[in-house]
Amino acid sequence: MTSLNSYETPAMLDAYDFSGISVLADIGGGNGSLITAVLARYPKLKGLLFDLGHVVGRAKENLKAAGLAGRCSVMEGSFFESAPPGADAYLFRHIIHDWTDEQCIQILGNCRKVIPAHGKLLIADSVVPAGNAPALAKDMDITMITFPGGQERTEVQFRSLLKVSGFELKSITPTTTMISVVEGRPV
């Protein structure tokens, strides 16, 4: 994941505007590379990284090494059980595509419980294009179905998944990589 994310992160930061967000929660944030890059690009932004206990130690070390430990809190937990309150935007990169619709509804439902009415839900994943033309997202879909049991989703599938989870799809921002930033808002 680290090597994959190393070229996606700059592309995502170039495509999506994080200004206007006060506190960004990186859910399933792993080693902290994404939140570190976002905080470096947006010096007024504060961060919150949320991941499992055996993962957050590396994130703390990386944030400290980047000089960002004072701007980013690190919380331990499982997105299947809860989401941390206190952010106005919740970012899931390469999380939602790992799981079935039912599991995603549980994950997003936990986020819906804590996101403020003006908050943003940001999902950085592939969006499968319509039609039968070849696309890398379609190849990745086969991989996701085979390996973890998840799937890449079309715009229509994201719209439906968000609606069931208490969100409305507001926009899809493509990047120069295979991922896009799907933005939802609470309804």
Protein backbone atom coordinates (compact mmCIF):
# COMPACT_ATOMS: atom_id res chain seq x y z
CA MET A 1 0.00 0.00 0.00
CA THR A 2 2.83 2.41 0.78
CA SER A 3 4.26 2.21 -2.74
CA LEU A 4 0.81 2.53 -4.31
CA ASN A 5 -0.06 5.52 -2.16
CA SER A 6 3.22 7.34 -2.83
CA TYR A 7 2.11 8.42 -6.31
CA GLU A 8 -1.60 8.73 -5.51
CA THR A 9 -1.16 11.18 -2.65
CA PRO A 10 0.34 14.07 -4.67
CA ALA A 11 -2.24 13.51 -7.42
CA MET A 12 -5.06 13.62 -4.88
CA LEU A 13 -3.67 16.79 -3.29
CA ASP A 14 -3.39 18.44 -6.69
CA ALA A 15 -6.96 17.50 -7.65
CA TYR A 16 -8.96 18.00 -4.44
CA ASP A 17 -9.07 21.23 -2.42
CA PHE A 18 -8.91 20.57 1.32
CA SER A 19 -9.10 24.27 2.25
CA GLY A 20 -12.13 25.11 4.33
CA ILE A 21 -11.69 21.98 6.42
CA SER A 22 -10.67 22.62 10.03
CA VAL A 23 -10.06 19.05 11.24
CA LEU A 24 -9.56 16.13 8.86
CA ALA A 25 -9.95 12.61 10.24
CA ASP A 26 -7.99 9.99 8.28
CA ILE A 27 -9.91 6.81 9.02
CA GLY A 28 -7.80 3.67 8.65
CA GLY A 29 -4.86 6.05 8.20
CA GLY A 30 -2.15 3.41 8.51
CA ASN A 31 1.37 4.80 8.82
CA GLY A 32 0.15 8.39 8.54
CA SER A 33 1.62 9.15 5.13
CA LEU A 34 -1.62 10.63 3.78
CA ILE A 35 -2.48 12.85 6.74
CA THR A 36 1.17 13.96 6.88
CA ALA A 37 1.05 15.07 3.24
CA VAL A 38 -2.29 16.86 3.66
CA LEU A 39 -1.11 18.68 6.79
CA ALA A 40 2.13 19.70 5.07
CA ARG A 41 0.17 21.18 2.14
CA TYR A 42 -2.44 22.90 4.37
CA PRO A 43 -0.64 24.45 7.37
CA LYS A 44 -3.85 25.70 9.08
CA LEU A 45 -5.48 22.25 9.01
CA LYS A 46 -5.47 19.93 12.01
CA GLY A 47 -5.56 16.17 11.69
CA LEU A 48 -6.82 13.10 13.43
CA LEU A 49 -5.60 9.62 12.48
CA PHE A 50 -7.75 6.65 13.48
CA ASP A 51 -6.60 3.05 13.10
CA LEU A 52 -6.07 -0.22 14.93
CA GLY A 53 -3.76 -0.38 17.93
CA HIS A 54 -1.00 -2.36 16.25
CA VAL A 55 -0.83 0.29 13.48
CA VAL A 56 -0.98 3.64 15.28
CA GLY A 57 2.53 3.40 16.76
CA ARG A 58 4.12 3.81 13.31
CA ALA A 59 1.81 6.73 12.57
CA LYS A 60 2.81 8.51 15.78
CA GLU A 61 6.50 8.07 14.95
CA ASN A 62 6.05 9.32 11.38
CA LEU A 63 4.02 12.36 12.45
CA LYS A 64 6.63 13.22 15.07
CA ALA A 65 9.46 12.85 12.53
CA ALA A 66 7.59 15.19 10.15
CA GLY A 67 7.16 17.77 12.92
CA LEU A 68 3.37 17.39 12.82
CA ALA A 69 2.62 15.57 16.08
CA GLY A 70 1.29 18.82 17.58
CA ARG A 71 -1.26 19.21 14.76
CA CYS A 72 -2.48 15.63 14.53
CA SER A 73 -3.93 13.44 17.23
CA VAL A 74 -3.77 9.68 16.86
CA MET A 75 -6.60 7.53 18.14
CA GLU A 76 -6.85 3.78 18.39
CA GLY A 77 -9.98 1.95 17.31
CA SER A 78 -11.84 -0.04 14.70
CA PHE A 79 -14.05 1.62 12.11
CA PHE A 80 -16.36 -1.36 12.43
CA GLU A 81 -17.10 -0.30 16.00
CA SER A 82 -16.96 3.51 15.94
CA ALA A 83 -15.55 6.64 14.39
CA PRO A 84 -13.86 9.39 16.36
CA PRO A 85 -15.84 12.60 16.93
CA GLY A 86 -14.32 16.02 16.50
CA ALA A 87 -13.60 16.34 12.78
CA ASP A 88 -15.50 18.22 10.11
CA ALA A 89 -14.26 15.94 7.32
CA TYR A 90 -13.74 12.18 7.36
CA LEU A 91 -11.42 10.63 4.77
CA PHE A 92 -11.37 6.95 3.81
CA ARG A 93 -8.61 6.09 1.31
CA HIS A 94 -8.62 2.55 -0.03
CA ILE A 95 -10.94 1.47 2.78
CA ILE A 96 -14.43 1.27 1.30
CA HIS A 97 -13.37 -0.87 -1.67
CA ASP A 98 -12.15 -3.60 0.70
CA TRP A 99 -15.59 -4.46 2.03
CA THR A 100 -19.05 -5.66 1.04
CA ASP A 101 -21.93 -3.19 0.86
CA GLU A 102 -23.21 -4.41 4.23
CA GLN A 103 -19.82 -3.86 5.87
CA CYS A 104 -19.48 -0.43 4.21
CA ILE A 105 -22.89 0.58 5.53
CA GLN A 106 -21.68 -0.33 9.01
CA ILE A 107 -18.42 1.65 8.57
CA LEU A 108 -20.13 4.68 7.03
CA GLY A 109 -22.95 4.45 9.57
CA ASN A 110 -20.40 4.84 12.36
CA CYS A 111 -19.06 7.92 10.59
CA ARG A 112 -22.59 9.28 10.13
CA LYS A 113 -23.13 9.14 13.90
CA VAL A 114 -20.29 11.60 14.57
CA ILE A 115 -20.01 13.80 11.47
CA PRO A 116 -21.44 17.30 11.92
CA ALA A 117 -24.32 18.50 9.73
CA HIS A 118 -21.90 20.64 7.68
CA GLY A 119 -19.28 17.87 7.47
CA LYS A 120 -17.74 16.18 4.46
CA LEU A 121 -17.31 12.49 3.81
CA LEU A 122 -14.37 11.87 1.46
CA ILE A 123 -13.78 8.47 -0.12
CA ALA A 124 -10.59 8.09 -2.16
CA ASP A 125 -11.07 4.98 -4.28
CA SER A 126 -11.49 4.00 -7.89
CA VAL A 127 -14.77 4.87 -9.58
CA VAL A 128 -15.58 2.31 -12.26
CA PRO A 129 -16.55 4.04 -15.50
CA ALA A 130 -19.80 3.12 -17.24
CA GLY A 131 -19.76 1.10 -20.44
CA ASN A 132 -17.65 -1.76 -21.68
CA ALA A 133 -14.43 0.05 -22.53
CA PRO A 134 -11.34 -1.30 -20.76
CA ALA A 135 -10.36 0.52 -17.56
CA LEU A 136 -7.85 -0.15 -14.78
CA ALA A 137 -10.66 0.28 -12.23
CA LYS A 138 -12.43 -2.71 -13.80
CA ASP A 139 -9.30 -4.83 -13.48
CA MET A 140 -8.96 -3.73 -9.86
CA ASP A 141 -12.61 -4.64 -9.29
CA ILE A 142 -11.84 -8.26 -10.18
CA THR A 143 -8.90 -8.21 -7.75
CA MET A 144 -11.02 -6.75 -4.95
CA ILE A 145 -13.80 -9.29 -5.45
CA THR A 146 -11.30 -12.15 -5.47
CA PHE A 147 -8.99 -11.19 -2.63
CA PRO A 148 -10.67 -9.32 0.24
CA GLY A 149 -14.27 -9.72 -0.95
CA GLY A 150 -14.84 -6.03 -1.61
CA GLN A 151 -15.37 -4.24 -4.89
CA GLU A 152 -14.69 -1.11 -6.86
CA ARG A 153 -17.92 0.81 -7.40
CA THR A 154 -19.54 2.87 -10.13
CA GLU A 155 -20.94 6.34 -9.49
CA VAL A 156 -24.42 4.80 -9.26
CA GLN A 157 -23.21 2.26 -6.69
CA PHE A 158 -21.48 4.96 -4.62
CA ARG A 159 -24.62 7.10 -4.76
CA SER A 160 -26.72 4.17 -3.50
CA LEU A 161 -24.24 3.15 -0.79
CA LEU A 162 -24.03 6.71 0.51
CA LYS A 163 -27.80 7.15 0.50
CA VAL A 164 -28.34 4.02 2.60
CA SER A 165 -25.64 5.23 5.00
CA GLY A 166 -27.21 8.67 5.53
CA PHE A 167 -25.18 10.67 3.02
CA GLU A 168 -25.76 12.33 -0.33
CA LEU A 169 -23.18 12.17 -3.10
CA LYS A 170 -22.08 15.75 -3.85
CA SER A 171 -19.19 15.34 -6.27
CA ILE A 172 -16.56 13.06 -7.74
CA THR A 173 -13.15 14.62 -8.30
CA PRO A 174 -10.90 12.55 -10.58
CA THR A 175 -7.13 12.54 -10.18
CA THR A 176 -4.37 11.70 -12.63
CA THR A 177 -4.27 8.22 -11.05
CA MET A 178 -6.98 5.57 -10.96
CA ILE A 179 -8.51 7.01 -7.77
CA SER A 180 -11.06 9.77 -7.46
CA VAL A 181 -12.27 11.65 -4.40
CA VAL A 182 -15.95 10.89 -3.86
CA GLU A 183 -17.48 13.59 -1.66
CA GLY A 184 -20.62 12.99 0.34
CA ARG A 185 -22.55 15.17 2.74
CA PRO A 186 -24.83 14.12 5.60
CA VAL A 187 -28.57 14.24 4.93
